[in-house]
C-alpha atoms as a PDB file:
ATOM      1  CA  UNK A   1       9.526   0.185   9.768  1.00  0.00           C
ATOM      2  CA  UNK A   2       8.835  -1.243  12.945  1.00  0.00           C
ATOM      3  CA  UNK A   3       4.837  -1.667  12.625  1.00  0.00           C
ATOM      4  CA  UNK A   4       5.647  -3.865   9.247  1.00  0.00           C
ATOM      5  CA  UNK A   5       8.051  -5.866  11.588  1.00  0.00           C
ATOM      6  CA  UNK A   6       5.192  -6.553  14.180  1.00  0.00           C
ATOM      7  CA  UNK A   7       2.955  -7.189  11.301  1.00  0.00           C
ATOM      8  CA  UNK A   8       5.187  -9.726   9.855  1.00  0.00           C
ATOM      9  CA  UNK A   9       5.308 -11.099  13.376  1.00  0.00           C
ATOM     10  CA  UNK A  10       2.048 -11.464  13.985  1.00  0.00           C
ATOM     11  CA  UNK A  11       1.291 -13.004  10.657  1.00  0.00           C
ATOM     12  CA  UNK A  12       3.610 -15.657  11.319  1.00  0.00           C
ATOM     13  CA  UNK A  13       1.855 -16.514  14.538  1.00  0.00           C
ATOM     14  CA  UNK A  14      -1.567 -16.397  13.097  1.00  0.00           C
ATOM     15  CA  UNK A  15      -0.489 -18.887  10.504  1.00  0.00           C
ATOM     16  CA  UNK A  16       1.245 -21.095  13.066  1.00  0.00           C
ATOM     17  CA  UNK A  17      -2.157 -20.927  15.399  1.00  0.00           C
ATOM     18  CA  UNK A  18      -4.417 -22.089  12.270  1.00  0.00           C
ATOM     19  CA  UNK A  19      -1.838 -24.477  11.394  1.00  0.00           C
ATOM     20  CA  UNK A  20      -1.996 -26.135  14.737  1.00  0.00           C
ATOM     21  CA  UNK A  21      -5.813 -26.087  14.185  1.00  0.00           C
ATOM     22  CA  UNK A  22      -5.961 -27.455  10.884  1.00  0.00           C
ATOM     23  CA  UNK A  23      -6.818 -24.304   9.216  1.00  0.00           C
ATOM     24  CA  UNK A  24      -5.075 -21.983   6.810  1.00  0.00           C
ATOM     25  CA  UNK A  25      -4.389 -18.279   7.593  1.00  0.00           C
ATOM     26  CA  UNK A  26      -5.361 -15.643   5.178  1.00  0.00           C
ATOM     27  CA  UNK A  27      -3.031 -13.824   2.957  1.00  0.00           C
ATOM     28  CA  UNK A  28      -1.683 -10.525   3.918  1.00  0.00           C
ATOM     29  CA  UNK A  29      -0.644  -7.668   1.153  1.00  0.00           C
ATOM     30  CA  UNK A  30       0.669  -4.324   2.516  1.00  0.00           C
ATOM     31  CA  UNK A  31       1.057  -1.394   0.050  1.00  0.00           C
ATOM     32  CA  UNK A  32       3.167   1.422   0.797  1.00  0.00           C
ATOM     33  CA  UNK A  33       2.338   4.272  -1.493  1.00  0.00           C
ATOM     34  CA  UNK A  34       4.622   7.334  -2.075  1.00  0.00           C
ATOM     35  CA  UNK A  35       3.364  10.480  -3.680  1.00  0.00           C
ATOM     36  CA  UNK A  36       5.410  12.906  -5.823  1.00  0.00           C
ATOM     37  CA  UNK A  37       4.149  16.309  -6.713  1.00  0.00           C
ATOM     38  CA  UNK A  38       3.237  16.452 -10.494  1.00  0.00           C
ATOM     39  CA  UNK A  39       4.808  19.008 -12.947  1.00  0.00           C
ATOM     40  CA  UNK A  40       4.034  22.428 -12.053  1.00  0.00           C
ATOM     41  CA  UNK A  41       3.236  21.667  -8.134  1.00  0.00           C
ATOM     42  CA  UNK A  42       5.445  22.681  -5.489  1.00  0.00           C
ATOM     43  CA  UNK A  43       6.907  20.342  -2.866  1.00  0.00           C
ATOM     44  CA  UNK A  44       5.361  19.498   0.723  1.00  0.00           C
ATOM     45  CA  UNK A  45       5.832  23.084   1.662  1.00  0.00           C
ATOM     46  CA  UNK A  46       3.382  24.656  -0.235  1.00  0.00           C
ATOM     47  CA  UNK A  47      -0.061  25.230   1.054  1.00  0.00           C
ATOM     48  CA  UNK A  48      -2.979  22.885   0.316  1.00  0.00           C
ATOM     49  CA  UNK A  49      -5.356  23.363  -2.749  1.00  0.00           C
ATOM     50  CA  UNK A  50      -8.662  22.242  -1.914  1.00  0.00           C
ATOM     51  CA  UNK A  51     -10.843  23.203  -4.973  1.00  0.00           C
ATOM     52  CA  UNK A  52     -12.831  20.745  -6.908  1.00  0.00           C
ATOM     53  CA  UNK A  53     -10.455  20.866  -9.929  1.00  0.00           C
ATOM     54  CA  UNK A  54      -7.180  20.332  -8.000  1.00  0.00           C
ATOM     55  CA  UNK A  55      -8.935  17.387  -5.724  1.00  0.00           C
ATOM     56  CA  UNK A  56     -10.387  15.894  -8.703  1.00  0.00           C
ATOM     57  CA  UNK A  57      -6.700  15.840 -10.425  1.00  0.00           C
ATOM     58  CA  UNK A  58      -5.455  14.531  -7.652  1.00  0.00           C
ATOM     59  CA  UNK A  59      -7.821  11.779  -7.073  1.00  0.00           C
ATOM     60  CA  UNK A  60      -7.633  10.764 -11.025  1.00  0.00           C
ATOM     61  CA  UNK A  61      -3.942  10.740 -10.564  1.00  0.00           C
ATOM     62  CA  UNK A  62      -3.943   8.373  -7.931  1.00  0.00           C
ATOM     63  CA  UNK A  63      -6.375   6.050  -9.674  1.00  0.00           C
ATOM     64  CA  UNK A  64      -4.368   5.825 -12.877  1.00  0.00           C
ATOM     65  CA  UNK A  65      -1.206   5.282 -11.057  1.00  0.00           C
ATOM     66  CA  UNK A  66      -3.003   2.289  -8.861  1.00  0.00           C
ATOM     67  CA  UNK A  67      -4.537   1.111 -11.850  1.00  0.00           C
ATOM     68  CA  UNK A  68      -0.963   0.925 -13.252  1.00  0.00           C
ATOM     69  CA  UNK A  69       0.616  -0.608 -10.086  1.00  0.00           C
ATOM     70  CA  UNK A  70      -2.064  -3.194  -9.028  1.00  0.00           C
ATOM     71  CA  UNK A  71      -1.856  -5.510 -11.846  1.00  0.00           C
ATOM     72  CA  UNK A  72       1.692  -5.715 -11.913  1.00  0.00           C
ATOM     73  CA  UNK A  73       1.947  -6.656  -8.032  1.00  0.00           C
ATOM     74  CA  UNK A  74       2.592 -10.402  -7.490  1.00  0.00           C
ATOM     75  CA  UNK A  75       0.229 -11.304  -4.569  1.00  0.00           C
ATOM     76  CA  UNK A  76       1.905 -14.388  -2.901  1.00  0.00           C
ATOM     77  CA  UNK A  77      -0.906 -17.044  -1.843  1.00  0.00           C
ATOM     78  CA  UNK A  78      -0.484 -17.839   2.148  1.00  0.00           C
ATOM     79  CA  UNK A  79       1.842 -15.347   2.845  1.00  0.00           C
ATOM     80  CA  UNK A  80       2.933 -11.959   4.025  1.00  0.00           C
ATOM     81  CA  UNK A  81       3.670  -9.316   1.096  1.00  0.00           C
ATOM     82  CA  UNK A  82       4.962  -5.684   1.323  1.00  0.00           C
ATOM     83  CA  UNK A  83       5.063  -3.774  -1.689  1.00  0.00           C
ATOM     84  CA  UNK A  84       6.279   0.116  -1.620  1.00  0.00           C
ATOM     85  CA  UNK A  85       6.197   2.788  -4.456  1.00  0.00           C
ATOM     86  CA  UNK A  86       8.910   4.918  -4.940  1.00  0.00           C
ATOM     87  CA  UNK A  87       8.741   7.879  -2.743  1.00  0.00           C
END
Protein backbone atom coordinates (compact mmCIF):
# COMPACT_ATOMS: atom_id res chain seq x y z
CA UNK A 1 0.00 0.00 0.00
CA UNK A 2 2.90 2.29 -0.75
CA UNK A 3 0.74 4.50 -2.98
CA UNK A 4 -1.77 5.00 -0.17
CA UNK A 5 1.00 5.96 2.23
CA UNK A 6 2.25 8.47 -0.32
CA UNK A 7 -1.25 9.88 -0.86
CA UNK A 8 -1.78 10.19 2.91
CA UNK A 9 1.54 12.08 3.33
CA UNK A 10 0.78 14.32 0.36
CA UNK A 11 -2.64 15.17 1.77
CA UNK A 12 -1.10 16.02 5.16
CA UNK A 13 1.44 18.30 3.48
CA UNK A 14 -1.25 20.01 1.38
CA UNK A 15 -3.37 20.48 4.49
CA UNK A 16 -0.43 22.06 6.33
CA UNK A 17 0.36 24.37 3.40
CA UNK A 18 -3.29 25.40 3.15
CA UNK A 19 -3.40 26.01 6.90
CA UNK A 20 -0.35 28.25 6.71
CA UNK A 21 -2.11 30.25 3.99
CA UNK A 22 -5.28 30.56 6.06
CA UNK A 23 -7.20 28.10 3.91
CA UNK A 24 -8.69 24.65 4.37
CA UNK A 25 -7.45 21.61 2.45
CA UNK A 26 -9.98 19.54 0.53
CA UNK A 27 -11.20 16.18 1.72
CA UNK A 28 -9.82 12.98 0.19
CA UNK A 29 -11.71 9.69 0.12
CA UNK A 30 -10.27 6.62 -1.58
CA UNK A 31 -12.35 3.51 -2.23
CA UNK A 32 -10.58 0.20 -2.82
CA UNK A 33 -13.04 -2.13 -4.46
CA UNK A 34 -12.66 -5.90 -4.72
CA UNK A 35 -14.44 -8.27 -7.08
CA UNK A 36 -15.72 -11.71 -6.24
CA UNK A 37 -17.07 -13.96 -8.98
CA UNK A 38 -20.78 -14.56 -8.64
CA UNK A 39 -22.47 -17.94 -8.45
CA UNK A 40 -21.76 -19.91 -11.58
CA UNK A 41 -18.70 -17.83 -12.48
CA UNK A 42 -15.24 -19.29 -12.56
CA UNK A 43 -12.29 -17.59 -10.95
CA UNK A 44 -9.75 -15.26 -12.56
CA UNK A 45 -8.35 -18.03 -14.80
CA UNK A 46 -11.45 -18.16 -17.01
CA UNK A 47 -11.73 -16.40 -20.34
CA UNK A 48 -13.52 -13.08 -20.37
CA UNK A 49 -17.10 -12.99 -21.62
CA UNK A 50 -17.71 -9.78 -23.54
CA UNK A 51 -21.25 -10.61 -24.63
CA UNK A 52 -23.67 -7.73 -24.07
CA UNK A 53 -25.71 -9.84 -21.65
CA UNK A 54 -22.66 -10.70 -19.52
CA UNK A 55 -21.35 -7.13 -19.47
CA UNK A 56 -24.77 -5.78 -18.50
CA UNK A 57 -25.00 -8.27 -15.65
CA UNK A 58 -21.52 -7.29 -14.35
CA UNK A 59 -22.30 -3.57 -14.53
CA UNK A 60 -25.67 -4.07 -12.80
CA UNK A 61 -24.03 -6.09 -10.02
CA UNK A 62 -21.41 -3.39 -9.52
CA UNK A 63 -24.06 -0.68 -9.41
CA UNK A 64 -26.04 -2.63 -6.79
CA UNK A 65 -22.93 -3.23 -4.67
CA UNK A 66 -21.87 0.43 -4.75
CA UNK A 67 -25.43 1.53 -4.05
CA UNK A 68 -25.37 -0.60 -0.90
CA UNK A 69 -21.82 0.39 0.12
CA UNK A 70 -21.63 4.15 -0.40
CA UNK A 71 -24.41 5.19 2.01
CA UNK A 72 -22.76 3.16 4.79
CA UNK A 73 -19.40 4.94 4.52
CA UNK A 74 -18.46 7.52 7.09
CA UNK A 75 -16.81 10.23 5.00
CA UNK A 76 -14.85 12.50 7.35
CA UNK A 77 -14.79 16.23 6.90
CA UNK A 78 -11.35 17.76 6.47
CA UNK A 79 -9.55 14.46 6.42
CA UNK A 80 -8.15 11.54 4.52
CA UNK A 81 -10.10 8.28 4.49
CA UNK A 82 -9.50 4.92 2.86
CA UNK A 83 -12.32 2.40 2.65
CA UNK A 84 -11.66 -1.12 1.37
CA UNK A 85 -14.28 -3.66 0.39
CA UNK A 86 -13.47 -7.31 1.06
CA UNK A 87 -11.58 -8.73 -1.84
